[in-house]
N, C-alpha and C. Protein backbone atom coordinates (compact mmCIF):
# COMPACT_ATOMS: atom_id res chain seq x y z
N MET A 1 -32.06 -8.03 -19.14
CA MET A 1 -30.85 -7.34 -18.76
C MET A 1 -31.09 -5.84 -18.85
N GLN A 2 -30.35 -5.12 -18.02
CA GLN A 2 -30.49 -3.67 -18.00
C GLN A 2 -29.11 -3.04 -17.95
N VAL A 3 -28.85 -2.11 -18.86
CA VAL A 3 -27.58 -1.39 -18.89
C VAL A 3 -27.75 -0.10 -18.10
N ASN A 4 -26.83 0.15 -17.17
CA ASN A 4 -26.85 1.37 -16.35
C ASN A 4 -25.52 2.08 -16.49
N THR A 5 -25.58 3.40 -16.55
CA THR A 5 -24.36 4.20 -16.53
C THR A 5 -24.48 5.25 -15.45
N TYR A 6 -23.37 5.54 -14.80
CA TYR A 6 -23.32 6.50 -13.69
C TYR A 6 -22.10 7.38 -13.85
N PHE A 7 -22.12 8.51 -13.14
CA PHE A 7 -20.96 9.39 -13.03
C PHE A 7 -20.39 9.75 -14.40
N ASP A 8 -21.25 10.35 -15.23
CA ASP A 8 -20.83 10.78 -16.59
C ASP A 8 -20.20 9.65 -17.38
N ASN A 9 -20.83 8.48 -17.33
CA ASN A 9 -20.40 7.28 -18.07
C ASN A 9 -19.06 6.72 -17.62
N GLN A 10 -18.62 7.07 -16.42
CA GLN A 10 -17.37 6.53 -15.90
C GLN A 10 -17.57 5.15 -15.25
N VAL A 11 -18.83 4.83 -14.92
CA VAL A 11 -19.18 3.53 -14.35
C VAL A 11 -20.33 2.97 -15.18
N THR A 12 -20.16 1.76 -15.70
CA THR A 12 -21.20 1.10 -16.50
C THR A 12 -21.44 -0.28 -15.93
N SER A 13 -22.72 -0.65 -15.78
CA SER A 13 -23.04 -1.98 -15.28
C SER A 13 -24.14 -2.61 -16.12
N LEU A 14 -24.17 -3.93 -16.10
CA LEU A 14 -25.19 -4.71 -16.77
C LEU A 14 -25.90 -5.52 -15.70
N GLY A 15 -27.16 -5.17 -15.42
CA GLY A 15 -27.92 -5.86 -14.39
C GLY A 15 -28.65 -7.07 -14.96
N PHE A 16 -28.77 -8.12 -14.15
CA PHE A 16 -29.44 -9.34 -14.60
C PHE A 16 -29.93 -10.14 -13.40
N GLU A 17 -30.78 -11.13 -13.68
CA GLU A 17 -31.23 -12.08 -12.66
C GLU A 17 -31.01 -13.48 -13.19
N ASN A 18 -30.62 -14.39 -12.28
CA ASN A 18 -30.51 -15.80 -12.62
C ASN A 18 -30.85 -16.62 -11.37
N THR A 19 -30.51 -17.90 -11.35
CA THR A 19 -30.86 -18.74 -10.21
C THR A 19 -30.17 -18.30 -8.93
N ASN A 20 -29.11 -17.51 -9.02
CA ASN A 20 -28.43 -16.98 -7.83
C ASN A 20 -29.10 -15.72 -7.30
N GLY A 21 -30.04 -15.13 -8.06
CA GLY A 21 -30.69 -13.90 -7.64
C GLY A 21 -30.33 -12.73 -8.53
N ARG A 22 -30.51 -11.51 -8.00
CA ARG A 22 -30.18 -10.29 -8.75
C ARG A 22 -28.70 -9.98 -8.64
N ALA A 23 -28.12 -9.51 -9.74
CA ALA A 23 -26.70 -9.17 -9.76
C ALA A 23 -26.42 -8.16 -10.86
N SER A 24 -25.22 -7.62 -10.85
CA SER A 24 -24.74 -6.80 -11.95
C SER A 24 -23.25 -7.01 -12.10
N VAL A 25 -22.80 -6.87 -13.33
CA VAL A 25 -21.36 -6.87 -13.62
C VAL A 25 -21.07 -5.54 -14.27
N GLY A 26 -19.89 -5.00 -14.00
CA GLY A 26 -19.60 -3.69 -14.55
C GLY A 26 -18.14 -3.36 -14.57
N VAL A 27 -17.89 -2.15 -15.05
CA VAL A 27 -16.54 -1.62 -15.16
C VAL A 27 -16.54 -0.19 -14.64
N MET A 28 -15.52 0.13 -13.84
CA MET A 28 -15.33 1.49 -13.34
C MET A 28 -14.03 2.05 -13.90
N GLN A 29 -14.12 3.26 -14.43
CA GLN A 29 -12.93 3.98 -14.87
C GLN A 29 -12.29 4.64 -13.65
N PRO A 30 -11.01 5.03 -13.73
CA PRO A 30 -10.38 5.70 -12.60
C PRO A 30 -11.19 6.92 -12.13
N GLY A 31 -11.29 7.05 -10.82
CA GLY A 31 -12.03 8.15 -10.21
C GLY A 31 -12.45 7.79 -8.80
N ARG A 32 -13.22 8.69 -8.21
CA ARG A 32 -13.74 8.49 -6.84
C ARG A 32 -15.26 8.57 -6.92
N TYR A 33 -15.94 7.55 -6.38
CA TYR A 33 -17.39 7.45 -6.51
C TYR A 33 -18.02 7.12 -5.16
N GLU A 34 -19.22 7.68 -4.94
CA GLU A 34 -19.97 7.37 -3.72
C GLU A 34 -21.26 6.67 -4.13
N PHE A 35 -21.50 5.51 -3.52
CA PHE A 35 -22.67 4.70 -3.80
C PHE A 35 -23.52 4.56 -2.54
N SER A 36 -24.81 4.40 -2.73
CA SER A 36 -25.74 4.10 -1.63
C SER A 36 -26.38 2.75 -1.92
N THR A 37 -26.61 1.96 -0.89
CA THR A 37 -27.19 0.64 -1.07
C THR A 37 -28.67 0.63 -0.70
N GLN A 38 -29.44 -0.11 -1.47
CA GLN A 38 -30.85 -0.34 -1.13
C GLN A 38 -31.03 -1.75 -0.58
N ASP A 39 -30.12 -2.64 -0.92
CA ASP A 39 -30.11 -4.03 -0.46
C ASP A 39 -28.72 -4.35 0.06
N ASP A 40 -28.59 -5.46 0.78
CA ASP A 40 -27.25 -5.94 1.14
C ASP A 40 -26.53 -6.26 -0.17
N GLU A 41 -25.25 -5.91 -0.23
CA GLU A 41 -24.47 -6.14 -1.45
C GLU A 41 -23.19 -6.90 -1.14
N ARG A 42 -22.88 -7.82 -2.02
CA ARG A 42 -21.59 -8.53 -2.01
C ARG A 42 -20.90 -8.14 -3.29
N MET A 43 -19.73 -7.50 -3.17
CA MET A 43 -18.99 -7.07 -4.36
C MET A 43 -17.69 -7.85 -4.46
N VAL A 44 -17.42 -8.34 -5.68
CA VAL A 44 -16.20 -9.09 -5.97
C VAL A 44 -15.43 -8.32 -7.04
N VAL A 45 -14.16 -8.07 -6.80
CA VAL A 45 -13.31 -7.44 -7.80
C VAL A 45 -12.88 -8.53 -8.77
N LEU A 46 -13.26 -8.39 -10.03
CA LEU A 46 -12.91 -9.39 -11.04
C LEU A 46 -11.54 -9.13 -11.65
N SER A 47 -11.24 -7.87 -11.87
CA SER A 47 -9.96 -7.49 -12.45
C SER A 47 -9.69 -6.03 -12.08
N GLY A 48 -8.52 -5.76 -11.53
CA GLY A 48 -8.18 -4.40 -11.13
C GLY A 48 -8.15 -4.27 -9.62
N ALA A 49 -8.51 -3.09 -9.11
CA ALA A 49 -8.46 -2.85 -7.67
C ALA A 49 -9.38 -1.69 -7.29
N LEU A 50 -9.95 -1.80 -6.08
CA LEU A 50 -10.80 -0.75 -5.52
C LEU A 50 -10.32 -0.43 -4.11
N VAL A 51 -10.26 0.85 -3.78
CA VAL A 51 -10.01 1.28 -2.41
C VAL A 51 -11.37 1.70 -1.87
N VAL A 52 -11.84 0.97 -0.85
CA VAL A 52 -13.22 1.11 -0.38
C VAL A 52 -13.25 1.68 1.03
N GLN A 53 -14.11 2.66 1.24
CA GLN A 53 -14.34 3.22 2.58
C GLN A 53 -15.80 2.96 2.93
N ARG A 54 -16.02 2.01 3.86
CA ARG A 54 -17.37 1.73 4.36
C ARG A 54 -17.53 2.38 5.72
N VAL A 55 -18.76 2.50 6.18
CA VAL A 55 -19.05 3.12 7.47
C VAL A 55 -18.29 2.42 8.59
N GLN A 56 -18.24 1.08 8.57
CA GLN A 56 -17.62 0.33 9.66
C GLN A 56 -16.09 0.26 9.58
N ASP A 57 -15.49 0.76 8.51
CA ASP A 57 -14.03 0.70 8.37
C ASP A 57 -13.39 1.97 8.92
N PRO A 58 -12.44 1.84 9.86
CA PRO A 58 -11.76 3.04 10.37
C PRO A 58 -10.92 3.73 9.29
N GLU A 59 -10.42 2.94 8.33
CA GLU A 59 -9.63 3.48 7.22
C GLU A 59 -10.05 2.77 5.93
N PRO A 60 -9.81 3.38 4.78
CA PRO A 60 -10.12 2.71 3.51
C PRO A 60 -9.33 1.41 3.37
N LEU A 61 -9.95 0.42 2.70
CA LEU A 61 -9.32 -0.89 2.50
C LEU A 61 -9.19 -1.17 1.01
N LEU A 62 -8.07 -1.80 0.63
CA LEU A 62 -7.80 -2.15 -0.76
C LEU A 62 -8.30 -3.56 -1.05
N TYR A 63 -9.06 -3.70 -2.15
CA TYR A 63 -9.53 -5.00 -2.62
C TYR A 63 -9.07 -5.14 -4.07
N SER A 64 -8.47 -6.28 -4.41
CA SER A 64 -7.99 -6.49 -5.77
C SER A 64 -8.48 -7.84 -6.30
N ASP A 65 -7.98 -8.25 -7.44
CA ASP A 65 -8.45 -9.44 -8.16
C ASP A 65 -8.90 -10.57 -7.24
N GLY A 66 -10.17 -10.96 -7.36
CA GLY A 66 -10.71 -12.09 -6.63
C GLY A 66 -11.15 -11.81 -5.21
N GLU A 67 -10.87 -10.63 -4.69
CA GLU A 67 -11.26 -10.30 -3.32
C GLU A 67 -12.67 -9.71 -3.30
N GLU A 68 -13.33 -9.85 -2.16
CA GLU A 68 -14.71 -9.37 -2.05
C GLU A 68 -14.93 -8.62 -0.76
N PHE A 69 -15.99 -7.82 -0.75
CA PHE A 69 -16.42 -7.13 0.45
C PHE A 69 -17.94 -7.02 0.43
N ARG A 70 -18.51 -6.75 1.57
CA ARG A 70 -19.97 -6.64 1.70
C ARG A 70 -20.34 -5.27 2.26
N VAL A 71 -21.50 -4.79 1.83
CA VAL A 71 -22.03 -3.53 2.33
C VAL A 71 -23.50 -3.76 2.70
N PRO A 72 -23.87 -3.44 3.94
CA PRO A 72 -25.27 -3.63 4.35
C PRO A 72 -26.21 -2.65 3.64
N SER A 73 -27.48 -3.01 3.58
CA SER A 73 -28.48 -2.13 2.97
C SER A 73 -28.59 -0.83 3.75
N GLY A 74 -28.92 0.23 3.03
CA GLY A 74 -29.12 1.53 3.66
C GLY A 74 -27.86 2.28 4.00
N GLU A 75 -26.71 1.82 3.50
CA GLU A 75 -25.44 2.51 3.79
C GLU A 75 -24.86 3.14 2.54
N THR A 76 -24.00 4.11 2.76
CA THR A 76 -23.24 4.76 1.70
C THR A 76 -21.79 4.33 1.84
N PHE A 77 -21.14 4.11 0.70
CA PHE A 77 -19.71 3.79 0.72
C PHE A 77 -19.02 4.48 -0.44
N THR A 78 -17.74 4.73 -0.27
CA THR A 78 -16.93 5.42 -1.27
C THR A 78 -15.93 4.45 -1.88
N VAL A 79 -15.77 4.55 -3.18
CA VAL A 79 -14.82 3.71 -3.91
C VAL A 79 -13.86 4.61 -4.66
N GLU A 80 -12.57 4.35 -4.49
CA GLU A 80 -11.56 5.04 -5.28
C GLU A 80 -10.94 4.02 -6.23
N VAL A 81 -10.90 4.38 -7.50
CA VAL A 81 -10.42 3.48 -8.55
C VAL A 81 -9.20 4.13 -9.19
N THR A 82 -8.07 3.44 -9.17
CA THR A 82 -6.85 4.00 -9.76
C THR A 82 -6.54 3.40 -11.12
N GLU A 83 -7.18 2.28 -11.46
CA GLU A 83 -7.04 1.68 -12.78
C GLU A 83 -8.40 1.12 -13.18
N THR A 84 -8.68 0.99 -14.44
CA THR A 84 -9.95 0.44 -14.88
C THR A 84 -10.18 -0.90 -14.20
N THR A 85 -11.36 -1.06 -13.57
CA THR A 85 -11.62 -2.22 -12.73
C THR A 85 -12.99 -2.83 -13.06
N ALA A 86 -13.02 -4.16 -13.19
CA ALA A 86 -14.26 -4.90 -13.42
C ALA A 86 -14.72 -5.52 -12.11
N TYR A 87 -16.04 -5.58 -11.93
CA TYR A 87 -16.60 -6.10 -10.67
C TYR A 87 -17.88 -6.87 -10.90
N LEU A 88 -18.23 -7.68 -9.92
CA LEU A 88 -19.52 -8.38 -9.84
C LEU A 88 -20.17 -7.92 -8.55
N CYS A 89 -21.44 -7.55 -8.61
CA CYS A 89 -22.18 -7.16 -7.41
C CYS A 89 -23.42 -8.03 -7.32
N GLU A 90 -23.57 -8.73 -6.19
CA GLU A 90 -24.76 -9.56 -5.96
C GLU A 90 -25.58 -8.89 -4.87
N TYR A 91 -26.91 -8.85 -5.08
CA TYR A 91 -27.83 -8.18 -4.17
C TYR A 91 -28.64 -9.23 -3.39
N THR A 92 -28.74 -9.03 -2.07
CA THR A 92 -29.51 -9.99 -1.26
C THR A 92 -30.54 -9.26 -0.42
């Protein structure tokens, strides 16, 4: 397992591998963050909500408890967090 922190400790994740492949679970504090992908990513909101702006979205989209979205490799996306939010990210 690997612990990662980003954006002055406002985002913390725990990376791991299992039979499903590489993944991370984490928590984001309120704020606005820009991420870049190296692999295709599937993100699931476990608790809370994220407002996500991907390249292919004409406007930001809201994802909350149990909802998921995907981001292709090599893209940048922006996440706005208004409440502390937990997520799962699977890499393919």
